[in-house]
Amino acid sequence: MRRIFIVILGLTLCAGSSVSADGGPMNYKNCTDLLKDYPRGVSMSILVARASGAENEPDSYNLNKAKDLDGDGAACEDAAKKKQKCKGLQD
């Protein structure tokens, strides 16, 4: 029974899901890895999510806060989408 559990745990970790082994959010190495699971990036609140186009995932954001290079409350957000939203507001 223990061997089966270890094999299943190993396969789960190798599959590369967006949650850690304990079931919580994951700290990604870089934005490329984060964007595989969250294509629009992650944000700290629903208000930031609406403004940036990122997904509202506060727990994932807090673990990946260092990837929020512009300090707007969204990490690894899609720059093109953000640029389009800003352009639309200027018109």
C-alpha atoms as a PDB file:
ATOM      1  CA  MET A   1       0.000   0.000   0.000  1.00  0.00           C
ATOM      2  CA  ARG A   2       2.809   2.413   0.878  1.00  0.00           C
ATOM      3  CA  ARG A   3       4.541   1.751  -2.455  1.00  0.00           C
ATOM      4  CA  ILE A   4       1.365   2.541  -4.364  1.00  0.00           C
ATOM      5  CA  PHE A   5       1.031   5.851  -2.507  1.00  0.00           C
ATOM      6  CA  ILE A   6       4.648   6.786  -3.249  1.00  0.00           C
ATOM      7  CA  VAL A   7       4.256   5.947  -6.945  1.00  0.00           C
ATOM      8  CA  ILE A   8       1.049   7.982  -7.212  1.00  0.00           C
ATOM      9  CA  LEU A   9       2.635  10.913  -5.364  1.00  0.00           C
ATOM     10  CA  GLY A  10       5.677  10.759  -7.659  1.00  0.00           C
ATOM     11  CA  LEU A  11       3.531  10.718 -10.790  1.00  0.00           C
ATOM     12  CA  THR A  12       1.499  13.657  -9.511  1.00  0.00           C
ATOM     13  CA  LEU A  13       4.610  15.721  -8.823  1.00  0.00           C
ATOM     14  CA  CYS A  14       6.108  14.882 -12.209  1.00  0.00           C
ATOM     15  CA  ALA A  15       2.916  15.901 -14.004  1.00  0.00           C
ATOM     16  CA  GLY A  16       3.536  19.528 -13.010  1.00  0.00           C
ATOM     17  CA  SER A  17       0.187  20.733 -11.759  1.00  0.00           C
ATOM     18  CA  SER A  18      -0.485  24.270 -10.521  1.00  0.00           C
ATOM     19  CA  VAL A  19      -0.789  23.191  -6.890  1.00  0.00           C
ATOM     20  CA  SER A  20       1.919  22.087  -4.534  1.00  0.00           C
ATOM     21  CA  ALA A  21       2.116  18.612  -3.018  1.00  0.00           C
ATOM     22  CA  ASP A  22       0.000  19.755  -0.059  1.00  0.00           C
ATOM     23  CA  GLY A  23      -2.782  21.001  -2.369  1.00  0.00           C
ATOM     24  CA  GLY A  24      -2.061  24.737  -2.020  1.00  0.00           C
ATOM     25  CA  PRO A  25      -0.956  27.253  -4.650  1.00  0.00           C
ATOM     26  CA  MET A  26       2.483  26.909  -6.218  1.00  0.00           C
ATOM     27  CA  ASN A  27       5.504  29.207  -6.317  1.00  0.00           C
ATOM     28  CA  TYR A  28       6.691  29.176  -9.942  1.00  0.00           C
ATOM     29  CA  LYS A  29      10.316  29.536 -11.050  1.00  0.00           C
ATOM     30  CA  ASN A  30       9.458  32.156 -13.666  1.00  0.00           C
ATOM     31  CA  CYS A  31       6.603  33.756 -15.603  1.00  0.00           C
ATOM     32  CA  THR A  32       6.894  31.251 -18.432  1.00  0.00           C
ATOM     33  CA  ASP A  33       5.989  28.442 -16.025  1.00  0.00           C
ATOM     34  CA  LEU A  34       3.222  30.467 -14.354  1.00  0.00           C
ATOM     35  CA  LEU A  35       1.659  31.363 -17.708  1.00  0.00           C
ATOM     36  CA  LYS A  36       1.310  27.675 -18.579  1.00  0.00           C
ATOM     37  CA  ASP A  37      -1.274  27.369 -15.792  1.00  0.00           C
ATOM     38  CA  TYR A  38      -2.540  30.967 -15.744  1.00  0.00           C
ATOM     39  CA  PRO A  39      -2.306  32.306 -19.335  1.00  0.00           C
ATOM     40  CA  ARG A  40      -3.327  35.830 -18.270  1.00  0.00           C
ATOM     41  CA  GLY A  41      -1.192  35.979 -15.109  1.00  0.00           C
ATOM     42  CA  VAL A  42      -2.465  36.204 -11.524  1.00  0.00           C
ATOM     43  CA  SER A  43      -3.720  39.169  -9.517  1.00  0.00           C
ATOM     44  CA  MET A  44      -4.092  40.050  -5.855  1.00  0.00           C
ATOM     45  CA  SER A  45      -7.745  41.187  -6.065  1.00  0.00           C
ATOM     46  CA  ILE A  46     -10.796  41.240  -8.302  1.00  0.00           C
ATOM     47  CA  LEU A  47     -10.304  44.968  -8.958  1.00  0.00           C
ATOM     48  CA  VAL A  48      -6.767  44.401 -10.203  1.00  0.00           C
ATOM     49  CA  ALA A  49      -7.966  41.407 -12.228  1.00  0.00           C
ATOM     50  CA  ARG A  50     -10.538  43.571 -14.006  1.00  0.00           C
ATOM     51  CA  ALA A  51      -7.999  46.282 -14.773  1.00  0.00           C
ATOM     52  CA  SER A  52      -5.130  44.028 -15.866  1.00  0.00           C
ATOM     53  CA  GLY A  53      -6.920  41.067 -17.420  1.00  0.00           C
ATOM     54  CA  ALA A  54      -5.117  38.683 -15.041  1.00  0.00           C
ATOM     55  CA  GLU A  55      -6.932  35.910 -13.174  1.00  0.00           C
ATOM     56  CA  ASN A  56      -8.049  36.677  -9.605  1.00  0.00           C
ATOM     57  CA  GLU A  57      -5.826  34.261  -7.647  1.00  0.00           C
ATOM     58  CA  PRO A  58      -4.667  36.047  -4.460  1.00  0.00           C
ATOM     59  CA  ASP A  59      -2.909  33.006  -2.958  1.00  0.00           C
ATOM     60  CA  SER A  60      -0.936  32.336  -6.139  1.00  0.00           C
ATOM     61  CA  TYR A  61      -0.169  36.047  -6.448  1.00  0.00           C
ATOM     62  CA  ASN A  62       1.222  36.218  -2.906  1.00  0.00           C
ATOM     63  CA  LEU A  63       3.561  33.298  -3.609  1.00  0.00           C
ATOM     64  CA  ASN A  64       4.685  34.876  -6.894  1.00  0.00           C
ATOM     65  CA  LYS A  65       4.687  38.548  -5.863  1.00  0.00           C
ATOM     66  CA  ALA A  66       8.330  38.930  -6.926  1.00  0.00           C
ATOM     67  CA  LYS A  67       7.190  38.427 -10.540  1.00  0.00           C
ATOM     68  CA  ASP A  68       5.043  41.587 -10.377  1.00  0.00           C
ATOM     69  CA  LEU A  69       7.760  43.766 -11.848  1.00  0.00           C
ATOM     70  CA  ASP A  70       5.641  46.884 -12.361  1.00  0.00           C
ATOM     71  CA  GLY A  71       4.038  46.716  -8.891  1.00  0.00           C
ATOM     72  CA  ASP A  72       0.453  46.917 -10.150  1.00  0.00           C
ATOM     73  CA  GLY A  73      -0.865  43.932  -8.161  1.00  0.00           C
ATOM     74  CA  ALA A  74      -0.759  41.476 -11.072  1.00  0.00           C
ATOM     75  CA  ALA A  75       2.115  39.068 -11.686  1.00  0.00           C
ATOM     76  CA  CYS A  76       3.019  37.905 -15.197  1.00  0.00           C
ATOM     77  CA  GLU A  77      -0.056  39.542 -16.725  1.00  0.00           C
ATOM     78  CA  ASP A  78      -0.309  39.588 -20.481  1.00  0.00           C
ATOM     79  CA  ALA A  79       1.290  42.896 -21.457  1.00  0.00           C
ATOM     80  CA  ALA A  80      -0.479  43.041 -24.823  1.00  0.00           C
ATOM     81  CA  LYS A  81      -3.920  42.729 -23.233  1.00  0.00           C
ATOM     82  CA  LYS A  82      -3.048  45.372 -20.644  1.00  0.00           C
ATOM     83  CA  LYS A  83      -1.823  47.683 -23.387  1.00  0.00           C
ATOM     84  CA  GLN A  84      -5.092  47.224 -25.318  1.00  0.00           C
ATOM     85  CA  LYS A  85      -7.175  48.067 -22.230  1.00  0.00           C
ATOM     86  CA  CYS A  86      -5.154  51.242 -21.603  1.00  0.00           C
ATOM     87  CA  LYS A  87      -5.447  52.268 -25.242  1.00  0.00           C
ATOM     88  CA  GLY A  88      -9.220  51.763 -25.082  1.00  0.00           C
ATOM     89  CA  LEU A  89      -9.442  54.005 -22.018  1.00  0.00           C
ATOM     90  CA  GLN A  90      -7.578  56.818 -23.778  1.00  0.00           C
ATOM     91  CA  ASP A  91      -9.998  56.943 -26.737  1.00  0.00           C
END
